[in-house]
């Protein structure tokens, strides 16, 4: 009976060990299965993404497009600046021409009055420019002395503030264009 009891106990002990071993194998199998499922999910996500070679090509193409667009932007900004300066100059010229036309029309009417009311007209020492001692009021409300020398167009020999500003704008634009050309480099 003792032998039988020992053999039963040994078999129970063996069964316990096998159960414990099976439990450990089950836990390990569950972990392996879980890892495999995660791997499959990650593999699926990775397969949906383009490969590195294609992505690199796309990035290079986008960088090239970006640099071309930046160059185009710089060219368009220069063109816009030039046209804006040209327009400013055009508007200034139009205003000057209008002022000259108004001055000419007013001077024609005042010439008739001057011929009737003016006794003498003095000439200045430099280049025989006509000078008069009275002030003339222009149509736009400005007054100039008749004693100030004028050229044949009736405008002063020195540049006006507007002409000076436009000249400075033109010079600044040219300097900026040169600087832009120096700083623009293609990568």
Protein backbone atom coordinates (compact mmCIF):
# COMPACT_ATOMS: atom_id res chain seq x y z
CA UNK A 1 0.00 0.00 0.00
CA UNK A 2 2.88 2.42 0.79
CA UNK A 3 4.34 1.85 -2.68
CA UNK A 4 1.00 2.54 -4.25
CA UNK A 5 0.59 5.64 -2.12
CA UNK A 6 4.11 6.80 -3.11
CA UNK A 7 3.47 6.22 -6.79
CA UNK A 8 0.12 8.08 -6.60
CA UNK A 9 1.82 10.95 -4.81
CA UNK A 10 4.58 11.04 -7.38
CA UNK A 11 2.06 11.01 -10.19
CA UNK A 12 0.09 13.81 -8.45
CA UNK A 13 3.32 15.74 -8.05
CA UNK A 14 4.16 15.14 -11.72
CA UNK A 15 0.67 16.24 -12.74
CA UNK A 16 1.07 19.41 -10.65
CA UNK A 17 4.42 20.12 -12.26
CA UNK A 18 2.94 19.50 -15.71
CA UNK A 19 -0.01 21.79 -14.90
CA UNK A 20 2.39 24.50 -13.66
CA UNK A 21 4.52 24.06 -16.79
CA UNK A 22 1.40 24.18 -18.97
CA UNK A 23 0.25 27.36 -17.22
CA UNK A 24 3.65 28.96 -17.92
CA UNK A 25 3.51 27.82 -21.55
CA UNK A 26 -0.05 29.18 -21.83
CA UNK A 27 1.02 32.58 -20.48
CA UNK A 28 3.99 32.56 -22.87
CA UNK A 29 1.77 31.53 -25.80
CA UNK A 30 -0.71 34.31 -24.96
CA UNK A 31 2.16 36.83 -24.90
CA UNK A 32 3.49 35.52 -28.22
CA UNK A 33 0.03 35.71 -29.76
CA UNK A 34 -0.44 39.26 -28.47
CA UNK A 35 2.96 40.28 -29.87
CA UNK A 36 2.16 38.66 -33.21
CA UNK A 37 -1.16 40.53 -33.43
CA UNK A 38 0.60 43.83 -32.67
CA UNK A 39 3.24 43.01 -35.27
CA UNK A 40 0.59 42.25 -37.88
CA UNK A 41 -1.19 45.54 -37.13
CA UNK A 42 2.07 47.51 -37.39
CA UNK A 43 3.01 45.69 -40.58
CA UNK A 44 -0.36 46.61 -42.07
CA UNK A 45 0.10 50.29 -41.13
CA UNK A 46 3.64 50.28 -42.53
CA UNK A 47 2.50 48.73 -45.80
CA UNK A 48 -0.06 51.52 -46.23
CA UNK A 49 2.74 54.12 -46.11
CA UNK A 50 4.92 54.78 -49.19
CA UNK A 51 8.47 53.52 -49.03
CA UNK A 52 11.40 55.76 -48.14
CA UNK A 53 12.64 56.07 -51.72
CA UNK A 54 9.29 57.42 -52.98
CA UNK A 55 8.97 59.74 -50.00
CA UNK A 56 12.46 61.12 -50.62
CA UNK A 57 11.60 61.72 -54.28
CA UNK A 58 8.41 63.55 -53.27
CA UNK A 59 10.30 65.69 -50.76
CA UNK A 60 12.94 66.58 -53.37
CA UNK A 61 10.24 67.47 -55.91
CA UNK A 62 8.45 69.65 -53.33
CA UNK A 63 11.71 71.40 -52.41
CA UNK A 64 12.38 72.10 -56.09
CA UNK A 65 8.83 73.45 -56.54
CA UNK A 66 9.24 75.60 -53.44
CA UNK A 67 12.52 77.11 -54.67
CA UNK A 68 10.96 77.81 -58.09
CA UNK A 69 7.98 79.47 -56.43
CA UNK A 70 10.27 81.57 -54.23
CA UNK A 71 12.18 82.73 -57.31
CA UNK A 72 8.90 83.52 -59.06
CA UNK A 73 7.71 85.43 -55.98
CA UNK A 74 10.90 87.51 -55.92
CA UNK A 75 10.59 88.27 -59.64
CA UNK A 76 6.93 89.25 -59.24
CA UNK A 77 7.75 91.46 -56.24
CA UNK A 78 10.44 93.22 -58.29
CA UNK A 79 8.04 93.61 -61.21
CA UNK A 80 5.33 94.95 -58.90
CA UNK A 81 7.76 97.39 -57.29
CA UNK A 82 8.94 98.60 -60.71
CA UNK A 83 5.39 99.06 -61.94
CA UNK A 84 4.40 100.83 -58.74
CA UNK A 85 7.34 103.19 -59.14
CA UNK A 86 6.52 103.68 -62.82
CA UNK A 87 2.90 104.41 -61.90
CA UNK A 88 3.98 106.88 -59.23
CA UNK A 89 6.22 108.60 -61.74
CA UNK A 90 3.41 108.62 -64.32
CA UNK A 91 0.96 110.13 -61.82
CA UNK A 92 3.53 112.73 -60.84
CA UNK A 93 4.14 113.58 -64.51
CA UNK A 94 0.39 113.87 -65.12
CA UNK A 95 0.04 116.24 -62.16
CA UNK A 96 2.98 118.31 -63.39
CA UNK A 97 1.54 118.48 -66.91
CA UNK A 98 -1.86 119.50 -65.53
CA UNK A 99 -0.21 122.19 -63.44
CA UNK A 100 1.73 123.42 -66.46
CA UNK A 101 -1.42 123.46 -68.59
CA UNK A 102 -3.28 125.39 -65.91
CA UNK A 103 -0.32 127.72 -65.54
CA UNK A 104 -0.12 128.22 -69.31
CA UNK A 105 -3.82 128.97 -69.57
CA UNK A 106 -3.66 131.36 -66.62
CA UNK A 107 -0.48 132.96 -67.95
CA UNK A 108 -2.13 133.55 -71.34
CA UNK A 109 -4.96 135.42 -69.69
CA UNK A 110 -2.57 137.23 -67.35
CA UNK A 111 -0.26 138.05 -70.29
CA UNK A 112 -3.09 139.99 -71.88
CA UNK A 113 -3.65 141.81 -68.59
CA UNK A 114 0.08 142.40 -68.12
CA UNK A 115 0.43 143.89 -71.58
CA UNK A 116 -2.29 146.36 -70.74
CA UNK A 117 -1.25 147.13 -67.14
CA UNK A 118 2.50 146.57 -66.96
CA UNK A 119 4.86 149.38 -67.87
CA UNK A 120 8.23 147.69 -67.94
CA UNK A 121 9.72 144.29 -67.51
CA UNK A 122 13.22 143.82 -66.16
CA UNK A 123 15.63 141.14 -67.27
CA UNK A 124 17.82 139.29 -64.81
CA UNK A 125 21.58 139.22 -65.19
CA UNK A 126 21.75 135.49 -65.82
CA UNK A 127 20.72 134.38 -69.32
CA UNK A 128 18.12 137.04 -69.94
CA UNK A 129 15.40 135.30 -67.93
CA UNK A 130 12.31 137.52 -67.58
CA UNK A 131 11.76 138.87 -64.05
CA UNK A 132 8.94 140.97 -62.65
CA UNK A 133 8.56 142.55 -59.23
CA UNK A 134 5.04 141.28 -58.50
CA UNK A 135 3.75 137.96 -57.15
CA UNK A 136 1.68 135.63 -59.33
CA UNK A 137 -1.00 133.46 -57.79
CA UNK A 138 -1.41 130.16 -59.58
CA UNK A 139 -4.74 128.35 -60.05
CA UNK A 140 -3.83 125.66 -57.51
CA UNK A 141 -3.44 128.33 -54.82
CA UNK A 142 0.37 128.53 -54.85
CA UNK A 143 2.07 131.88 -55.24
CA UNK A 144 5.43 132.55 -56.79
CA UNK A 145 7.29 135.78 -57.06
CA UNK A 146 7.63 137.11 -60.52
CA UNK A 147 11.14 138.03 -59.47
CA UNK A 148 12.17 134.36 -59.20
CA UNK A 149 13.97 133.03 -62.27
CA UNK A 150 12.09 130.47 -64.34
CA UNK A 151 13.02 128.43 -67.40
CA UNK A 152 11.20 128.50 -70.71
CA UNK A 153 8.57 126.04 -69.41
CA UNK A 154 7.77 128.27 -66.48
CA UNK A 155 9.10 125.82 -63.89
CA UNK A 156 11.92 126.49 -61.48
CA UNK A 157 15.40 125.30 -62.35
CA UNK A 158 15.80 123.42 -59.06
CA UNK A 159 14.00 120.13 -58.48
CA UNK A 160 10.82 120.23 -56.46
CA UNK A 161 10.36 118.07 -53.37
CA UNK A 162 8.16 115.63 -55.32
CA UNK A 163 10.75 115.23 -58.08
CA UNK A 164 13.44 114.72 -55.46
CA UNK A 165 11.36 112.03 -53.70
CA UNK A 166 10.68 110.21 -56.96
CA UNK A 167 14.36 110.27 -57.86
CA UNK A 168 15.20 108.83 -54.42
CA UNK A 169 12.57 106.09 -54.89
CA UNK A 170 14.06 105.20 -58.24
CA UNK A 171 17.58 105.05 -56.80
CA UNK A 172 16.41 102.99 -53.79
CA UNK A 173 14.58 100.59 -56.12
CA UNK A 174 17.70 100.10 -58.23
CA UNK A 175 19.81 99.50 -55.11
CA UNK A 176 17.26 97.00 -53.78
CA UNK A 177 17.20 95.18 -57.12
CA UNK A 178 20.97 94.83 -57.01
CA UNK A 179 20.85 93.60 -53.39
CA UNK A 180 18.07 91.11 -54.22
CA UNK A 181 20.07 89.71 -57.13
CA UNK A 182 23.11 89.28 -54.88
CA UNK A 183 21.17 87.56 -52.08
CA UNK A 184 19.10 85.24 -54.27
CA UNK A 185 20.88 81.92 -54.52
CA UNK A 186 19.47 78.68 -55.80
CA UNK A 187 20.11 75.74 -53.37
